[in-house]
Amino acid sequence: MRSPWDKGLLYGRVCGIMVRVMESTAPIPTHTHTISVLVENKFGVLSRVAGLFSGRGYNIHSLNVAPCEDPHFSRMTIDVNEHGEKLDQVIKQLSKLVNVVEVIDFRSHPTVYREIVLMRVLFGDKKQDILELCNIFGAKVLDATRETLTIEISGGEFRLERFLNLMQDYDVQMLMRSGKIAVIKPNN
């Protein structure tokens, strides 16, 4: 039986909903849009938001949730594969959910996007090649054993995809992606 890692995909459960938590190094779909949702830090909010998407057949490309500047609230950064009227409908429906304080559509704002990737690589006799690649892309080695390197790289989606595509030549044992996070650029 093949493991999910053989296919480059791994699925997990978030609040009882099956979600993709790691994806292959294939290019990111070109029609993803990012939405920021400020929610009250209460039990069941993530489940309601995820349920809105799955119940309507909308696909979430990535989802990142963490407490924000006020510990009573969390910020969800949701990257969706919808666009046009469907995306407008998603935003309207999100705004109506209980415990949702604010919804920001990043389509109309200049925005800074980042994602973090952690990976463990079995290096064999190619340690120096991997370290050189890390140096070129500004990746950091967080941990090392006699056989493996644990690497962190952050950046925009295209930079990460180029790095991950080059790392396919090596024995990547585990790959974890944070999902996209974003912040609006200031006006000045």
Protein backbone atom coordinates (compact mmCIF):
# COMPACT_ATOMS: atom_id res chain seq x y z
CA MET A 1 0.00 0.00 0.00
CA ARG A 2 1.37 3.43 -0.96
CA SER A 3 1.53 6.11 1.68
CA PRO A 4 0.05 9.59 1.09
CA TRP A 5 3.65 10.87 0.88
CA ASP A 6 4.18 8.79 -2.30
CA LYS A 7 1.54 10.88 -4.04
CA GLY A 8 2.83 14.13 -2.57
CA LEU A 9 -0.43 14.61 -0.65
CA LEU A 10 -1.43 14.16 2.97
CA TYR A 11 -4.93 14.59 4.30
CA GLY A 12 -6.00 15.27 7.85
CA ARG A 13 -9.02 16.30 9.85
CA VAL A 14 -9.72 19.81 11.10
CA CYS A 15 -12.86 20.05 13.21
CA GLY A 16 -14.14 16.81 11.65
CA ILE A 17 -13.66 18.06 8.08
CA MET A 18 -11.17 16.33 5.78
CA VAL A 19 -8.61 18.87 4.53
CA ARG A 20 -5.38 18.79 2.56
CA VAL A 21 -2.53 19.68 4.92
CA MET A 22 0.42 19.24 2.57
CA GLU A 23 0.46 19.42 -1.14
CA SER A 24 2.75 18.47 -3.92
CA THR A 25 5.29 20.84 -5.39
CA ALA A 26 3.10 21.32 -8.44
CA PRO A 27 2.51 24.98 -9.28
CA ILE A 28 -0.08 26.79 -7.20
CA PRO A 29 -3.34 27.28 -9.10
CA THR A 30 -3.43 30.66 -10.85
CA HIS A 31 -6.88 31.68 -9.60
CA THR A 32 -6.34 31.73 -5.85
CA HIS A 33 -7.47 34.73 -3.85
CA THR A 34 -6.71 35.56 -0.26
CA ILE A 35 -9.28 36.56 2.35
CA SER A 36 -8.55 37.63 5.92
CA VAL A 37 -11.24 36.90 8.51
CA LEU A 38 -11.07 38.35 12.04
CA VAL A 39 -13.06 36.09 14.38
CA GLU A 40 -13.79 35.88 18.08
CA ASN A 41 -11.52 33.36 19.77
CA LYS A 42 -14.34 30.96 20.68
CA PHE A 43 -15.00 27.26 20.42
CA GLY A 44 -16.50 26.13 17.08
CA VAL A 45 -15.66 29.19 14.98
CA LEU A 46 -13.13 27.36 12.78
CA SER A 47 -15.64 24.57 12.26
CA ARG A 48 -18.35 27.02 11.16
CA VAL A 49 -16.03 28.80 8.71
CA ALA A 50 -14.69 25.55 7.23
CA GLY A 51 -18.25 24.19 7.10
CA LEU A 52 -19.38 27.21 5.06
CA PHE A 53 -16.79 26.37 2.40
CA SER A 54 -17.33 22.62 2.32
CA GLY A 55 -21.12 22.89 2.47
CA ARG A 56 -21.16 25.04 -0.65
CA GLY A 57 -18.53 23.07 -2.54
CA TYR A 58 -15.89 25.81 -2.38
CA ASN A 59 -12.27 24.70 -2.27
CA ILE A 60 -9.83 26.08 0.32
CA HIS A 61 -6.29 26.13 -1.07
CA SER A 62 -4.73 26.99 2.30
CA LEU A 63 -5.96 28.00 5.74
CA ASN A 64 -3.94 29.61 8.51
CA VAL A 65 -5.42 30.53 11.89
CA ALA A 66 -3.69 32.15 14.87
CA PRO A 67 -4.41 34.65 17.65
CA CYS A 68 -3.74 38.25 16.62
CA GLU A 69 -2.80 41.48 18.44
CA ASP A 70 -5.82 41.09 20.78
CA PRO A 71 -5.87 37.62 22.41
CA HIS A 72 -9.71 37.62 22.34
CA PHE A 73 -9.58 37.38 18.54
CA SER A 74 -7.92 35.22 15.89
CA ARG A 75 -7.08 36.06 12.31
CA MET A 76 -7.85 33.48 9.63
CA THR A 77 -6.01 33.80 6.33
CA ILE A 78 -7.87 31.77 3.74
CA ASP A 79 -6.57 31.22 0.22
CA VAL A 80 -9.43 30.08 -2.02
CA ASN A 81 -9.63 28.79 -5.57
CA GLU A 82 -12.79 30.77 -6.32
CA HIS A 83 -13.05 34.05 -8.20
CA GLY A 84 -15.63 36.55 -9.49
CA GLU A 85 -19.19 36.11 -8.29
CA LYS A 86 -18.40 32.96 -6.31
CA LEU A 87 -15.68 34.78 -4.37
CA ASP A 88 -18.02 37.73 -3.72
CA GLN A 89 -20.64 35.27 -2.45
CA VAL A 90 -18.11 33.59 -0.12
CA ILE A 91 -17.17 36.96 1.36
CA LYS A 92 -20.83 37.92 1.93
CA GLN A 93 -21.57 34.56 3.56
CA LEU A 94 -18.48 34.81 5.80
CA SER A 95 -19.58 38.27 6.95
CA LYS A 96 -22.92 36.86 8.13
CA LEU A 97 -21.43 34.11 10.32
CA VAL A 98 -21.72 34.40 14.09
CA ASN A 99 -18.37 35.35 15.72
CA VAL A 100 -17.01 36.90 12.50
CA VAL A 101 -15.92 40.47 13.23
CA GLU A 102 -14.33 41.53 9.92
CA VAL A 103 -13.68 40.12 6.45
CA ILE A 104 -10.98 41.64 4.24
CA ASP A 105 -10.75 40.81 0.54
CA PHE A 106 -7.13 41.33 -0.51
CA ARG A 107 -8.04 41.72 -4.20
CA SER A 108 -8.42 45.47 -3.81
CA HIS A 109 -5.41 46.14 -1.53
CA PRO A 110 -1.65 46.07 -2.11
CA THR A 111 -0.55 43.18 0.07
CA VAL A 112 2.55 41.38 1.36
CA TYR A 113 2.22 37.57 1.21
CA ARG A 114 4.46 34.94 2.81
CA GLU A 115 4.49 31.21 3.50
CA ILE A 116 6.84 29.06 5.56
CA VAL A 117 8.05 25.60 4.54
CA LEU A 118 9.75 23.12 6.88
CA MET A 119 11.32 20.01 5.41
CA ARG A 120 13.48 17.12 6.51
CA VAL A 121 15.94 15.84 3.92
CA LEU A 122 18.06 12.68 3.98
CA PHE A 123 21.28 13.98 2.42
CA GLY A 124 23.52 10.93 1.82
CA ASP A 125 26.57 12.14 -0.11
CA LYS A 126 24.80 15.32 -1.33
CA LYS A 127 24.96 17.40 1.85
CA GLN A 128 27.12 20.12 0.30
CA ASP A 129 24.81 20.42 -2.73
CA ILE A 130 21.79 20.86 -0.46
CA LEU A 131 23.59 23.43 1.71
CA GLU A 132 24.58 25.37 -1.42
CA LEU A 133 20.97 25.37 -2.63
CA CYS A 134 19.84 26.56 0.82
CA ASN A 135 22.41 29.37 0.66
CA ILE A 136 21.23 30.48 -2.80
CA PHE A 137 17.58 30.66 -1.67
CA GLY A 138 18.25 31.98 1.84
CA ALA A 139 16.89 28.85 3.51
CA LYS A 140 18.02 28.05 7.05
CA VAL A 141 19.19 24.72 8.44
CA LEU A 142 17.36 24.42 11.78
CA ASP A 143 18.61 20.98 12.81
CA ALA A 144 21.09 18.40 11.61
CA THR A 145 21.80 14.76 12.38
CA ARG A 146 24.35 12.43 10.84
CA GLU A 147 21.86 11.62 8.07
CA THR A 148 19.31 14.45 7.82
CA LEU A 149 18.90 18.21 7.63
CA THR A 150 15.81 20.08 8.78
CA ILE A 151 15.37 23.14 6.59
CA GLU A 152 13.19 26.24 6.87
CA ILE A 153 12.45 28.60 4.01
CA SER A 154 9.96 31.44 3.86
CA GLY A 155 8.89 33.73 1.09
CA GLY A 156 6.43 34.28 -1.71
CA GLU A 157 4.78 31.42 -3.54
CA PHE A 158 6.96 31.49 -6.68
CA ARG A 159 10.26 31.54 -4.77
CA LEU A 160 9.11 28.60 -2.64
CA GLU A 161 7.93 26.65 -5.67
CA ARG A 162 11.32 27.11 -7.39
CA PHE A 163 13.13 25.90 -4.26
CA LEU A 164 10.81 22.92 -3.80
CA ASN A 165 11.13 21.94 -7.46
CA LEU A 166 14.93 21.88 -7.13
CA MET A 167 14.70 19.91 -3.87
CA GLN A 168 12.86 17.12 -5.70
CA ASP A 169 16.30 15.86 -6.76
CA TYR A 170 17.00 14.94 -3.12
CA ASP A 171 15.43 12.55 -0.61
CA VAL A 172 12.82 14.79 1.04
CA GLN A 173 11.39 12.71 3.88
CA MET A 174 8.84 15.20 5.18
CA LEU A 175 7.45 18.51 3.98
CA MET A 176 5.14 20.87 5.88
CA ARG A 177 3.73 24.13 4.54
CA SER A 178 2.18 26.84 6.72
CA GLY A 179 -0.22 28.11 4.11
CA LYS A 180 -0.24 31.70 2.94
CA ILE A 181 -0.34 34.56 5.42
CA ALA A 182 -0.83 38.16 4.36
CA VAL A 183 -0.91 41.74 5.59
CA ILE A 184 -2.07 44.88 3.78
CA LYS A 185 0.69 47.36 2.91
CA PRO A 186 0.39 50.79 4.57
CA ASN A 187 -0.67 53.74 2.41
CA ASN A 188 2.46 55.84 3.02
